[in-house]
Amino acid sequence: MTTQALEKRPMGALGRMSIVAGMHVAAFYLIASSLGIVPPLVEVAPPDIRIIEQPEPPDPPPTIPQPQQYDPKVYVPTPEPVPTEPAETDSRVAAVVNDHPPIIQEVVPPARTLQLTGVRMDSRHPLSQPAYPLSDIRQGNEGTAEIEVYVLPSGRIGDVRVIKSAGSPTLDQSAIDEAKRKWRMLPAMRDGEPYAQWHRLKVTFNLKNR
């Protein structure tokens, strides 16, 4: 209903004026075109636009290292002073000769000497004279027996052996028995410590001194 009402409504004054003005403009344009006053409309072609790819810039040339500056100066090290006397450290003597490395000299300590003391007579226990066997007295046997006694660390005699006989077995045995039963001596010493040692003695049998 609204569309039909609009179509049937008479055109207004403004509409009629617009149509008349348009017609005048068209007529004026036709007259001007025929007279050459207004150039006819020419279609203008769109501009030709091309995309030109720019080449990539080349790589920069490699950097050439500059030669190092050579210092013509010559440095001479100052020599160290040579000691006048060799230094001694931990039983080692170091000697410096000119510019050579130090020479180490080994100081060898002297060999340790043992303190040794042999068997000695004990003044508190003088050696007794062995008994003179009666059989040797009757036969007039005399002589000197050389014997070795084994002196223990305690000073007692541990053993006796005959090195040279007195000329009679009974005289020899009398010397052995006397040494084992009664003799006492000072033992041998090594660095202050007693130790057992053999000791040689002579026993004389004389009828005048019996």
N, C-alpha and C. Protein backbone atom coordinates (compact mmCIF):
# COMPACT_ATOMS: atom_id res chain seq x y z
N MET A 1 0.83 -1.19 0.00
CA MET A 1 0.00 0.00 0.00
C MET A 1 0.87 1.24 0.00
N THR A 2 1.95 1.30 0.75
CA THR A 2 2.82 2.49 0.85
C THR A 2 3.50 2.77 -0.45
N THR A 3 4.03 1.67 -1.12
CA THR A 3 4.73 1.85 -2.42
C THR A 3 3.79 2.40 -3.47
N GLN A 4 2.54 1.86 -3.50
CA GLN A 4 1.58 2.34 -4.49
C GLN A 4 1.19 3.78 -4.21
N ALA A 5 1.09 4.15 -2.92
CA ALA A 5 0.73 5.52 -2.58
C ALA A 5 1.80 6.48 -3.01
N LEU A 6 3.09 6.04 -2.88
CA LEU A 6 4.21 6.91 -3.28
C LEU A 6 4.22 7.10 -4.77
N GLU A 7 3.92 6.00 -5.52
CA GLU A 7 3.93 6.12 -6.98
C GLU A 7 2.80 7.04 -7.46
N LYS A 8 1.68 7.03 -6.85
CA LYS A 8 0.55 7.86 -7.27
C LYS A 8 0.69 9.29 -6.80
N ARG A 9 1.62 9.57 -5.78
CA ARG A 9 1.74 10.93 -5.25
C ARG A 9 2.37 11.79 -6.34
N PRO A 10 1.88 12.96 -6.64
CA PRO A 10 2.45 13.83 -7.66
C PRO A 10 3.78 14.33 -7.22
N MET A 11 4.76 14.53 -8.19
CA MET A 11 6.14 14.94 -7.91
C MET A 11 6.07 16.37 -7.40
N GLY A 12 6.90 16.73 -6.49
CA GLY A 12 6.95 18.03 -5.87
C GLY A 12 7.63 19.05 -6.77
N ALA A 13 7.67 20.27 -6.32
CA ALA A 13 8.29 21.35 -7.09
C ALA A 13 9.78 21.18 -7.17
N LEU A 14 10.43 20.68 -6.08
CA LEU A 14 11.89 20.50 -6.06
C LEU A 14 12.29 19.46 -7.07
N GLY A 15 11.52 18.42 -7.21
CA GLY A 15 11.84 17.35 -8.16
C GLY A 15 11.75 17.87 -9.58
N ARG A 16 10.72 18.65 -9.82
CA ARG A 16 10.57 19.16 -11.19
C ARG A 16 11.71 20.10 -11.53
N MET A 17 12.17 20.89 -10.59
CA MET A 17 13.27 21.82 -10.85
C MET A 17 14.55 21.06 -11.12
N SER A 18 14.76 19.96 -10.44
CA SER A 18 15.99 19.16 -10.64
C SER A 18 16.00 18.58 -12.03
N ILE A 19 14.82 18.16 -12.52
CA ILE A 19 14.78 17.55 -13.86
C ILE A 19 15.07 18.61 -14.89
N VAL A 20 14.48 19.79 -14.71
CA VAL A 20 14.68 20.89 -15.67
C VAL A 20 16.15 21.29 -15.68
N ALA A 21 16.79 21.40 -14.51
CA ALA A 21 18.20 21.80 -14.45
C ALA A 21 19.05 20.78 -15.15
N GLY A 22 18.74 19.51 -14.98
CA GLY A 22 19.53 18.45 -15.64
C GLY A 22 19.41 18.54 -17.13
N MET A 23 18.22 18.83 -17.58
CA MET A 23 18.04 18.92 -19.02
C MET A 23 18.84 20.09 -19.58
N HIS A 24 18.83 21.25 -18.91
CA HIS A 24 19.62 22.39 -19.35
C HIS A 24 21.10 22.07 -19.40
N VAL A 25 21.59 21.39 -18.42
CA VAL A 25 23.05 21.05 -18.38
C VAL A 25 23.38 20.16 -19.53
N ALA A 26 22.50 19.18 -19.85
CA ALA A 26 22.77 18.26 -20.95
C ALA A 26 22.77 19.00 -22.26
N ALA A 27 21.80 19.93 -22.42
CA ALA A 27 21.73 20.68 -23.66
C ALA A 27 22.96 21.56 -23.81
N PHE A 28 23.40 22.17 -22.72
CA PHE A 28 24.58 23.03 -22.77
C PHE A 28 25.82 22.23 -23.12
N TYR A 29 25.91 21.07 -22.62
CA TYR A 29 27.10 20.22 -22.88
C TYR A 29 27.13 19.81 -24.34
N LEU A 30 25.91 19.49 -24.91
CA LEU A 30 25.87 19.11 -26.33
C LEU A 30 26.27 20.27 -27.22
N ILE A 31 25.77 21.45 -26.89
CA ILE A 31 26.13 22.63 -27.71
C ILE A 31 27.61 22.92 -27.59
N ALA A 32 28.19 22.85 -26.39
CA ALA A 32 29.61 23.14 -26.19
C ALA A 32 30.46 22.11 -26.89
N SER A 33 30.03 20.86 -26.89
CA SER A 33 30.82 19.81 -27.54
C SER A 33 30.83 20.05 -29.04
N SER A 34 29.65 20.46 -29.58
CA SER A 34 29.61 20.68 -31.03
C SER A 34 30.45 21.87 -31.43
N LEU A 35 30.57 22.83 -30.59
CA LEU A 35 31.37 24.02 -30.89
C LEU A 35 32.84 23.81 -30.55
N GLY A 36 33.22 22.72 -29.93
CA GLY A 36 34.63 22.46 -29.57
C GLY A 36 35.07 23.14 -28.31
N ILE A 37 34.14 23.69 -27.60
CA ILE A 37 34.53 24.36 -26.35
C ILE A 37 34.87 23.35 -25.28
N VAL A 38 34.10 22.34 -25.15
CA VAL A 38 34.35 21.30 -24.13
C VAL A 38 34.83 20.06 -24.83
N PRO A 39 36.01 19.60 -24.57
CA PRO A 39 36.53 18.39 -25.23
C PRO A 39 35.72 17.19 -24.83
N PRO A 40 35.56 16.34 -25.84
CA PRO A 40 34.80 15.13 -25.48
C PRO A 40 35.54 14.32 -24.42
N LEU A 41 34.77 13.55 -23.72
CA LEU A 41 35.36 12.71 -22.65
C LEU A 41 36.18 11.62 -23.28
N VAL A 42 37.42 11.48 -22.84
CA VAL A 42 38.36 10.45 -23.34
C VAL A 42 38.64 9.48 -22.21
N GLU A 43 38.49 8.29 -22.54
CA GLU A 43 38.78 7.27 -21.52
C GLU A 43 40.29 7.23 -21.27
N VAL A 44 40.65 7.37 -20.09
CA VAL A 44 42.08 7.34 -19.68
C VAL A 44 42.41 5.94 -19.21
N ALA A 45 43.42 5.36 -19.90
CA ALA A 45 43.83 3.98 -19.50
C ALA A 45 44.54 4.02 -18.15
N PRO A 46 44.34 2.98 -17.36
CA PRO A 46 45.04 2.94 -16.04
C PRO A 46 46.55 2.87 -16.24
N PRO A 47 47.31 3.47 -15.37
CA PRO A 47 48.78 3.45 -15.51
C PRO A 47 49.32 2.02 -15.41
N ASP A 48 50.39 1.81 -16.22
CA ASP A 48 51.05 0.48 -16.20
C ASP A 48 52.04 0.47 -15.04
N ILE A 49 51.68 -0.27 -14.05
CA ILE A 49 52.53 -0.36 -12.84
C ILE A 49 53.28 -1.67 -12.88
N ARG A 50 54.62 -1.61 -12.87
CA ARG A 50 55.47 -2.82 -12.85
C ARG A 50 56.32 -2.83 -11.57
N ILE A 51 56.42 -3.99 -11.09
CA ILE A 51 57.24 -4.19 -9.86
C ILE A 51 58.61 -4.66 -10.29
N ILE A 52 59.59 -3.84 -10.07
CA ILE A 52 60.98 -4.18 -10.43
C ILE A 52 61.69 -4.66 -9.16
N GLU A 53 62.15 -5.87 -9.25
CA GLU A 53 62.86 -6.45 -8.07
C GLU A 53 64.28 -5.90 -8.03
N GLN A 54 64.62 -5.33 -6.90
CA GLN A 54 65.97 -4.81 -6.72
C GLN A 54 66.93 -5.97 -6.37
N PRO A 55 68.07 -6.01 -7.07
CA PRO A 55 69.03 -7.09 -6.71
C PRO A 55 69.57 -6.90 -5.30
N GLU A 56 69.88 -8.01 -4.67
CA GLU A 56 70.43 -7.96 -3.30
C GLU A 56 71.84 -7.38 -3.35
N PRO A 57 72.18 -6.57 -2.40
CA PRO A 57 73.53 -5.99 -2.38
C PRO A 57 74.58 -7.08 -2.19
N PRO A 58 75.71 -6.98 -2.90
CA PRO A 58 76.76 -8.02 -2.74
C PRO A 58 77.34 -8.02 -1.33
N ASP A 59 77.89 -9.18 -0.95
CA ASP A 59 78.52 -9.29 0.36
C ASP A 59 79.73 -8.37 0.44
N PRO A 60 79.95 -7.76 1.57
CA PRO A 60 81.12 -6.89 1.71
C PRO A 60 82.40 -7.69 1.58
N PRO A 61 83.44 -7.12 1.01
CA PRO A 61 84.72 -7.86 0.87
C PRO A 61 85.29 -8.23 2.24
N PRO A 62 85.99 -9.38 2.32
CA PRO A 62 86.56 -9.79 3.62
C PRO A 62 87.58 -8.79 4.11
N THR A 63 87.61 -8.67 5.42
CA THR A 63 88.54 -7.72 6.05
C THR A 63 89.94 -8.32 6.08
N ILE A 64 90.89 -7.64 5.54
CA ILE A 64 92.28 -8.12 5.53
C ILE A 64 92.95 -7.62 6.80
N PRO A 65 93.43 -8.59 7.64
CA PRO A 65 94.07 -8.15 8.90
C PRO A 65 95.31 -7.34 8.63
N GLN A 66 95.46 -6.31 9.39
CA GLN A 66 96.62 -5.46 9.26
C GLN A 66 97.85 -6.14 9.88
N PRO A 67 98.99 -6.08 9.25
CA PRO A 67 100.20 -6.71 9.85
C PRO A 67 100.53 -6.06 11.18
N GLN A 68 100.99 -6.95 12.12
CA GLN A 68 101.35 -6.45 13.44
C GLN A 68 102.64 -5.64 13.36
N GLN A 69 102.65 -4.64 14.18
CA GLN A 69 103.83 -3.80 14.23
C GLN A 69 104.93 -4.51 15.01
N TYR A 70 106.07 -4.64 14.47
CA TYR A 70 107.20 -5.33 15.11
C TYR A 70 108.00 -4.32 15.93
N ASP A 71 108.19 -4.69 17.14
CA ASP A 71 108.94 -3.82 18.04
C ASP A 71 110.42 -4.16 17.92
N PRO A 72 111.22 -3.27 17.38
CA PRO A 72 112.64 -3.62 17.19
C PRO A 72 113.44 -3.65 18.46
N LYS A 73 112.86 -3.34 19.60
CA LYS A 73 113.62 -3.32 20.85
C LYS A 73 114.00 -4.73 21.26
N VAL A 74 115.16 -4.89 21.82
CA VAL A 74 115.65 -6.18 22.31
C VAL A 74 115.77 -6.08 23.82
N TYR A 75 115.07 -7.02 24.48
CA TYR A 75 115.07 -7.01 25.95
C TYR A 75 116.09 -8.03 26.45
N VAL A 76 117.02 -7.58 27.24
CA VAL A 76 118.06 -8.44 27.81
C VAL A 76 117.76 -8.61 29.28
N PRO A 77 117.48 -9.88 29.71
CA PRO A 77 117.17 -10.08 31.14
C PRO A 77 118.36 -9.78 32.02
N THR A 78 118.07 -9.24 33.17
CA THR A 78 119.13 -8.93 34.13
C THR A 78 119.55 -10.21 34.84
N PRO A 79 120.83 -10.60 34.79
CA PRO A 79 121.25 -11.85 35.46
C PRO A 79 121.10 -11.75 36.97
N GLU A 80 120.68 -12.87 37.55
CA GLU A 80 120.53 -12.91 39.01
C GLU A 80 121.91 -12.99 39.67
N PRO A 81 122.07 -12.37 40.82
CA PRO A 81 123.38 -12.44 41.51
C PRO A 81 123.68 -13.86 41.97
N VAL A 82 124.91 -14.25 41.87
CA VAL A 82 125.36 -15.58 42.28
C VAL A 82 125.73 -15.53 43.75
N PRO A 83 125.13 -16.40 44.60
CA PRO A 83 125.49 -16.38 46.03
C PRO A 83 126.94 -16.76 46.23
N THR A 84 127.55 -16.11 47.21
CA THR A 84 128.96 -16.37 47.49
C THR A 84 129.16 -17.68 48.22
N GLU A 85 128.18 -18.11 48.99
CA GLU A 85 128.29 -19.35 49.75
C GLU A 85 127.12 -20.24 49.41
N PRO A 86 127.33 -21.54 49.28
CA PRO A 86 126.22 -22.46 48.99
C PRO A 86 125.26 -22.52 50.16
N ALA A 87 123.96 -22.61 49.82
CA ALA A 87 122.92 -22.73 50.85
C ALA A 87 122.79 -24.18 51.27
N GLU A 88 122.58 -24.38 52.54
CA GLU A 88 122.46 -25.75 53.08
C GLU A 88 121.06 -25.94 53.65
N THR A 89 120.33 -26.94 53.14
CA THR A 89 118.96 -27.20 53.57
C THR A 89 118.74 -28.70 53.66
N ASP A 90 118.28 -29.18 54.84
CA ASP A 90 117.96 -30.60 55.03
C ASP A 90 119.12 -31.51 54.60
N SER A 91 120.31 -31.22 55.12
CA SER A 91 121.49 -32.04 54.86
C SER A 91 121.85 -32.10 53.38
N ARG A 92 121.43 -31.12 52.59
CA ARG A 92 121.77 -31.05 51.16
C ARG A 92 122.46 -29.71 50.91
N VAL A 93 123.54 -29.73 50.16
CA VAL A 93 124.31 -28.53 49.86
C VAL A 93 124.05 -28.17 48.42
N ALA A 94 123.53 -26.96 48.16
CA ALA A 94 123.23 -26.52 46.79
C ALA A 94 124.29 -25.52 46.38
N ALA A 95 124.95 -25.77 45.26
CA ALA A 95 125.98 -24.87 44.74
C ALA A 95 125.53 -24.36 43.39
N VAL A 96 125.65 -23.05 43.16
CA VAL A 96 125.26 -22.43 41.90
C VAL A 96 126.53 -22.08 41.15
N VAL A 97 126.66 -22.58 39.93
CA VAL A 97 127.84 -22.32 39.10
C VAL A 97 127.38 -21.57 37.86
N ASN A 98 127.79 -20.30 37.72
CA ASN A 98 127.41 -19.46 36.60
C ASN A 98 125.89 -19.48 36.42
N ASP A 99 125.45 -19.77 35.17
CA ASP A 99 124.02 -19.80 34.88
C ASP A 99 123.46 -21.21 34.87
N HIS A 100 124.24 -22.21 35.25
CA HIS A 100 123.77 -23.58 35.23
C HIS A 100 122.83 -23.83 36.42
N PRO A 101 121.96 -24.84 36.30
CA PRO A 101 121.08 -25.15 37.44
C PRO A 101 121.88 -25.60 38.65
N PRO A 102 121.31 -25.44 39.84
CA PRO A 102 122.06 -25.82 41.05
C PRO A 102 122.40 -27.30 41.08
N ILE A 103 123.56 -27.60 41.61
CA ILE A 103 124.03 -28.97 41.75
C ILE A 103 123.77 -29.41 43.19
N ILE A 104 123.01 -30.48 43.35
CA ILE A 104 122.66 -30.98 44.67
C ILE A 104 123.69 -32.04 45.08
N GLN A 105 124.33 -31.82 46.18
CA GLN A 105 125.32 -32.76 46.69
C GLN A 105 124.74 -33.45 47.91
N GLU A 106 124.73 -34.77 47.85
CA GLU A 106 124.23 -35.55 48.98
C GLU A 106 125.27 -35.55 50.10
N VAL A 107 124.82 -35.23 51.28
CA VAL A 107 125.69 -35.30 52.45
C VAL A 107 125.38 -36.59 53.17
N VAL A 108 126.28 -37.55 53.05
CA VAL A 108 126.07 -38.87 53.63
C VAL A 108 126.57 -38.84 55.07
N PRO A 109 125.66 -39.09 56.03
CA PRO A 109 126.13 -39.08 57.42
C PRO A 109 127.07 -40.25 57.66
N PRO A 110 128.00 -40.09 58.56
CA PRO A 110 128.93 -41.19 58.85
C PRO A 110 128.19 -42.38 59.46
N ALA A 111 128.74 -43.55 59.20
CA ALA A 111 128.13 -44.77 59.74
C ALA A 111 128.16 -44.74 61.27
N ARG A 112 127.07 -45.18 61.83
CA ARG A 112 126.96 -45.18 63.29
C ARG A 112 127.89 -46.23 63.88
N THR A 113 128.63 -45.84 64.88
CA THR A 113 129.59 -46.73 65.54
C THR A 113 128.95 -47.30 66.79
N LEU A 114 128.95 -48.62 66.87
CA LEU A 114 128.40 -49.27 68.05
C LEU A 114 129.39 -49.17 69.21
N GLN A 115 128.83 -48.95 70.34
CA GLN A 115 129.64 -48.92 71.55
C GLN A 115 129.70 -50.34 72.13
N LEU A 116 130.86 -50.99 71.94
CA LEU A 116 131.02 -52.38 72.39
C LEU A 116 132.03 -52.44 73.52
N THR A 117 131.69 -53.26 74.50
CA THR A 117 132.59 -53.50 75.62
C THR A 117 132.63 -55.00 75.88
N GLY A 118 133.86 -55.57 75.94
CA GLY A 118 134.00 -57.01 76.14
C GLY A 118 133.78 -57.43 77.60
N VAL A 119 133.91 -58.72 77.82
CA VAL A 119 133.78 -59.29 79.17
C VAL A 119 134.93 -58.79 80.03
N ARG A 120 134.62 -58.46 81.30
CA ARG A 120 135.62 -57.94 82.23
C ARG A 120 135.51 -58.67 83.56
N MET A 121 136.59 -58.56 84.31
CA MET A 121 136.59 -59.11 85.66
C MET A 121 135.72 -58.26 86.56
N ASP A 122 135.03 -58.92 87.49
CA ASP A 122 134.18 -58.22 88.45
C ASP A 122 134.93 -58.16 89.77
N SER A 123 135.22 -56.92 90.18
CA SER A 123 135.98 -56.77 91.42
C SER A 123 135.21 -57.25 92.64
N ARG A 124 133.90 -57.31 92.53
CA ARG A 124 133.10 -57.79 93.66
C ARG A 124 133.12 -59.32 93.74
N HIS A 125 133.47 -59.97 92.62
CA HIS A 125 133.51 -61.44 92.59
C HIS A 125 134.84 -61.89 91.97
N PRO A 126 135.93 -61.86 92.72
CA PRO A 126 137.22 -62.33 92.18
C PRO A 126 137.13 -63.81 91.81
N LEU A 127 137.88 -64.18 90.74
CA LEU A 127 137.87 -65.56 90.29
C LEU A 127 138.64 -66.44 91.30
N SER A 128 137.99 -67.51 91.70
CA SER A 128 138.60 -68.44 92.66
C SER A 128 139.47 -69.45 91.94
N GLN A 129 140.45 -69.96 92.66
CA GLN A 129 141.36 -70.97 92.11
C GLN A 129 140.70 -72.35 92.16
N PRO A 130 140.72 -73.09 91.05
CA PRO A 130 140.12 -74.45 91.07
C PRO A 130 140.86 -75.37 92.06
N ALA A 131 140.16 -76.35 92.56
CA ALA A 131 140.76 -77.33 93.49
C ALA A 131 141.81 -78.17 92.77
N TYR A 132 142.88 -78.53 93.50
CA TYR A 132 143.96 -79.36 92.92
C TYR A 132 143.62 -80.82 93.21
N PRO A 133 143.35 -81.61 92.21
CA PRO A 133 143.00 -83.02 92.48
C PRO A 133 144.13 -83.75 93.21
N LEU A 134 143.79 -84.61 94.19
CA LEU A 134 144.79 -85.34 94.96
C LEU A 134 145.60 -86.28 94.09
N SER A 135 144.94 -86.83 93.10
CA SER A 135 145.67 -87.77 92.23
C SER A 135 146.77 -87.04 91.46
N ASP A 136 146.49 -85.81 91.05
CA ASP A 136 147.50 -85.04 90.32
C ASP A 136 148.60 -84.56 91.26
N ILE A 137 148.24 -84.33 92.55
CA ILE A 137 149.27 -83.94 93.52
C ILE A 137 150.23 -85.10 93.75
N ARG A 138 149.68 -86.31 93.93
CA ARG A 138 150.54 -87.47 94.17
C ARG A 138 151.43 -87.74 92.96
N GLN A 139 150.86 -87.51 91.75
CA GLN A 139 151.64 -87.80 90.55
C GLN A 139 152.53 -86.62 90.16
N GLY A 140 152.33 -85.47 90.84
CA GLY A 140 153.15 -84.29 90.54
C GLY A 140 152.77 -83.64 89.21
N ASN A 141 151.51 -83.74 88.85
CA ASN A 141 151.08 -83.14 87.57
C ASN A 141 150.89 -81.64 87.73
N GLU A 142 151.46 -80.90 86.84
CA GLU A 142 151.32 -79.45 86.79
C GLU A 142 151.04 -79.04 85.33
N GLY A 143 150.54 -77.79 85.17
CA GLY A 143 150.30 -77.30 83.82
C GLY A 143 149.32 -76.13 83.80
N THR A 144 149.14 -75.58 82.61
CA THR A 144 148.21 -74.44 82.41
C THR A 144 147.17 -74.81 81.37
N ALA A 145 145.94 -74.69 81.76
CA ALA A 145 144.82 -74.99 80.84
C ALA A 145 144.25 -73.68 80.28
N GLU A 146 144.08 -73.64 78.95
CA GLU A 146 143.42 -72.50 78.31
C GLU A 146 141.96 -72.87 78.06
N ILE A 147 141.07 -72.12 78.67
CA ILE A 147 139.64 -72.42 78.55
C ILE A 147 138.89 -71.17 78.05
N GLU A 148 137.70 -71.40 77.49
CA GLU A 148 136.79 -70.32 77.10
C GLU A 148 135.50 -70.48 77.89
N VAL A 149 135.08 -69.38 78.52
CA VAL A 149 133.85 -69.39 79.30
C VAL A 149 132.81 -68.55 78.55
N TYR A 150 131.56 -69.04 78.55
CA TYR A 150 130.47 -68.32 77.90
C TYR A 150 129.75 -67.51 78.96
N VAL A 151 130.04 -66.20 79.00
CA VAL A 151 129.49 -65.32 80.02
C VAL A 151 128.10 -64.85 79.58
N LEU A 152 127.09 -65.15 80.39
CA LEU A 152 125.72 -64.76 80.10
C LEU A 152 125.49 -63.28 80.41
N PRO A 153 124.38 -62.69 79.92
CA PRO A 153 124.11 -61.28 80.26
C PRO A 153 124.01 -61.03 81.75
N SER A 154 123.68 -62.06 82.52
CA SER A 154 123.62 -61.90 83.98
C SER A 154 125.00 -61.91 84.62
N GLY A 155 126.04 -62.31 83.89
CA GLY A 155 127.38 -62.39 84.44
C GLY A 155 127.79 -63.78 84.84
N ARG A 156 126.83 -64.68 84.91
CA ARG A 156 127.15 -66.07 85.25
C ARG A 156 127.76 -66.78 84.05
N ILE A 157 128.42 -67.94 84.33
CA ILE A 157 129.07 -68.74 83.29
C ILE A 157 128.08 -69.79 82.80
N GLY A 158 127.74 -69.73 81.55
CA GLY A 158 126.77 -70.67 81.01
C GLY A 158 127.42 -71.94 80.48
N ASP A 159 128.64 -71.85 79.98
CA ASP A 159 129.31 -73.03 79.42
C ASP A 159 130.81 -72.79 79.46
N VAL A 160 131.58 -73.90 79.42
CA VAL A 160 133.04 -73.84 79.45
C VAL A 160 133.56 -74.86 78.45
N ARG A 161 134.58 -74.47 77.69
CA ARG A 161 135.22 -75.42 76.79
C ARG A 161 136.74 -75.25 76.89
N VAL A 162 137.45 -76.38 76.77
CA VAL A 162 138.91 -76.39 76.88
C VAL A 162 139.52 -76.16 75.51
N ILE A 163 140.34 -75.12 75.40
CA ILE A 163 141.03 -74.81 74.16
C ILE A 163 142.39 -75.50 74.13
N LYS A 164 143.09 -75.50 75.28
CA LYS A 164 144.39 -76.18 75.39
C LYS A 164 144.45 -76.87 76.75
N SER A 165 144.73 -78.15 76.75
CA SER A 165 144.72 -78.94 77.98
C SER A 165 145.95 -78.61 78.86
N ALA A 166 145.75 -78.79 80.17
CA ALA A 166 146.85 -78.60 81.13
C ALA A 166 147.77 -79.80 81.18
N GLY A 167 147.43 -80.86 80.46
CA GLY A 167 148.24 -82.09 80.44
C GLY A 167 147.61 -83.21 81.24
N SER A 168 146.50 -82.90 81.93
CA SER A 168 145.83 -83.91 82.74
C SER A 168 144.33 -83.70 82.63
N PRO A 169 143.56 -84.74 82.31
CA PRO A 169 142.10 -84.59 82.23
C PRO A 169 141.48 -84.13 83.53
N THR A 170 142.03 -84.59 84.62
CA THR A 170 141.45 -84.19 85.92
C THR A 170 141.71 -82.72 86.21
N LEU A 171 142.85 -82.21 85.81
CA LEU A 171 143.11 -80.77 85.99
C LEU A 171 142.16 -79.94 85.11
N ASP A 172 141.96 -80.39 83.89
CA ASP A 172 141.02 -79.67 83.01
C ASP A 172 139.61 -79.67 83.57
N GLN A 173 139.16 -80.82 84.06
CA GLN A 173 137.80 -80.91 84.59
C GLN A 173 137.65 -80.08 85.85
N SER A 174 138.69 -79.99 86.65
CA SER A 174 138.63 -79.17 87.86
C SER A 174 138.44 -77.70 87.50
N ALA A 175 139.09 -77.24 86.44
CA ALA A 175 138.92 -75.84 86.01
C ALA A 175 137.50 -75.60 85.48
N ILE A 176 136.95 -76.57 84.76
CA ILE A 176 135.59 -76.43 84.22
C ILE A 176 134.57 -76.35 85.35
N ASP A 177 134.71 -77.26 86.31
CA ASP A 177 133.74 -77.30 87.41
C ASP A 177 133.80 -76.02 88.24
N GLU A 178 134.99 -75.48 88.49
CA GLU A 178 135.11 -74.26 89.30
C GLU A 178 134.47 -73.07 88.59
N ALA A 179 134.66 -72.98 87.29
CA ALA A 179 134.10 -71.86 86.55
C ALA A 179 132.57 -71.90 86.55
N LYS A 180 132.00 -73.06 86.33
CA LYS A 180 130.54 -73.16 86.28
C LYS A 180 129.89 -72.91 87.63
N ARG A 181 130.54 -73.34 88.72
CA ARG A 181 129.90 -73.24 90.04
C ARG A 181 130.06 -71.87 90.67
N LYS A 182 131.25 -71.25 90.53
CA LYS A 182 131.53 -70.09 91.38
C LYS A 182 131.86 -68.79 90.62
N TRP A 183 132.29 -68.87 89.42
CA TRP A 183 132.78 -67.65 88.78
C TRP A 183 131.63 -66.72 88.36
N ARG A 184 131.87 -65.44 88.57
CA ARG A 184 130.97 -64.37 88.09
C ARG A 184 131.82 -63.30 87.42
N MET A 185 131.36 -62.77 86.28
CA MET A 185 132.10 -61.75 85.55
C MET A 185 131.13 -60.67 85.05
N LEU A 186 131.71 -59.55 84.65
CA LEU A 186 130.89 -58.49 84.05
C LEU A 186 130.63 -58.84 82.58
N PRO A 187 129.37 -58.87 82.14
CA PRO A 187 129.07 -59.30 80.76
C PRO A 187 129.52 -58.25 79.73
N ALA A 188 129.56 -58.70 78.50
CA ALA A 188 129.86 -57.78 77.40
C ALA A 188 128.67 -56.84 77.20
N MET A 189 128.94 -55.61 76.70
CA MET A 189 127.90 -54.59 76.53
C MET A 189 127.91 -54.09 75.08
N ARG A 190 126.70 -53.90 74.55
CA ARG A 190 126.52 -53.31 73.22
C ARG A 190 125.56 -52.14 73.34
N ASP A 191 126.09 -50.92 73.19
CA ASP A 191 125.28 -49.70 73.36
C ASP A 191 124.55 -49.69 74.70
N GLY A 192 125.27 -50.13 75.74
CA GLY A 192 124.69 -50.11 77.08
C GLY A 192 123.83 -51.30 77.41
N GLU A 193 123.67 -52.26 76.48
CA GLU A 193 122.84 -53.44 76.74
C GLU A 193 123.75 -54.66 76.85
N PRO A 194 123.60 -55.47 77.93
CA PRO A 194 124.44 -56.66 78.09
C PRO A 194 124.03 -57.75 77.11
N TYR A 195 125.02 -58.53 76.66
CA TYR A 195 124.74 -59.66 75.79
C TYR A 195 125.77 -60.75 76.06
N ALA A 196 125.45 -62.00 75.71
CA ALA A 196 126.32 -63.15 76.00
C ALA A 196 127.52 -63.15 75.06
N GLN A 197 128.67 -63.58 75.58
CA GLN A 197 129.90 -63.59 74.78
C GLN A 197 130.88 -64.60 75.37
N TRP A 198 131.66 -65.22 74.47
CA TRP A 198 132.72 -66.12 74.90
C TRP A 198 133.93 -65.29 75.33
N HIS A 199 134.63 -65.81 76.39
CA HIS A 199 135.82 -65.10 76.90
C HIS A 199 136.88 -66.15 77.26
N ARG A 200 138.14 -65.88 76.80
CA ARG A 200 139.22 -66.86 77.02
C ARG A 200 140.02 -66.50 78.28
N LEU A 201 140.37 -67.58 79.05
CA LEU A 201 141.16 -67.43 80.27
C LEU A 201 142.21 -68.55 80.35
N LYS A 202 143.18 -68.33 81.20
CA LYS A 202 144.20 -69.36 81.48
C LYS A 202 144.15 -69.73 82.95
N VAL A 203 144.17 -71.02 83.24
CA VAL A 203 144.16 -71.53 84.63
C VAL A 203 145.45 -72.34 84.82
N THR A 204 146.27 -71.92 85.79
CA THR A 204 147.57 -72.57 86.03
C THR A 204 147.50 -73.42 87.29
N PHE A 205 147.95 -74.62 87.14
CA PHE A 205 148.07 -75.55 88.30
C PHE A 205 149.56 -75.70 88.63
N ASN A 206 149.94 -75.24 89.83
CA ASN A 206 151.32 -75.29 90.27
C ASN A 206 151.34 -75.86 91.69
N LEU A 207 152.14 -76.89 91.87
CA LEU A 207 152.16 -77.55 93.19
C LEU A 207 152.69 -76.64 94.26
N LYS A 208 153.56 -75.67 93.94
CA LYS A 208 154.09 -74.77 94.96
C LYS A 208 153.03 -73.78 95.43
N ASN A 209 152.10 -73.46 94.59
CA ASN A 209 151.09 -72.45 94.94
C ASN A 209 149.73 -73.04 95.24
N ARG A 210 149.68 -74.35 95.47
CA ARG A 210 148.37 -74.96 95.68
C ARG A 210 147.82 -74.64 97.06
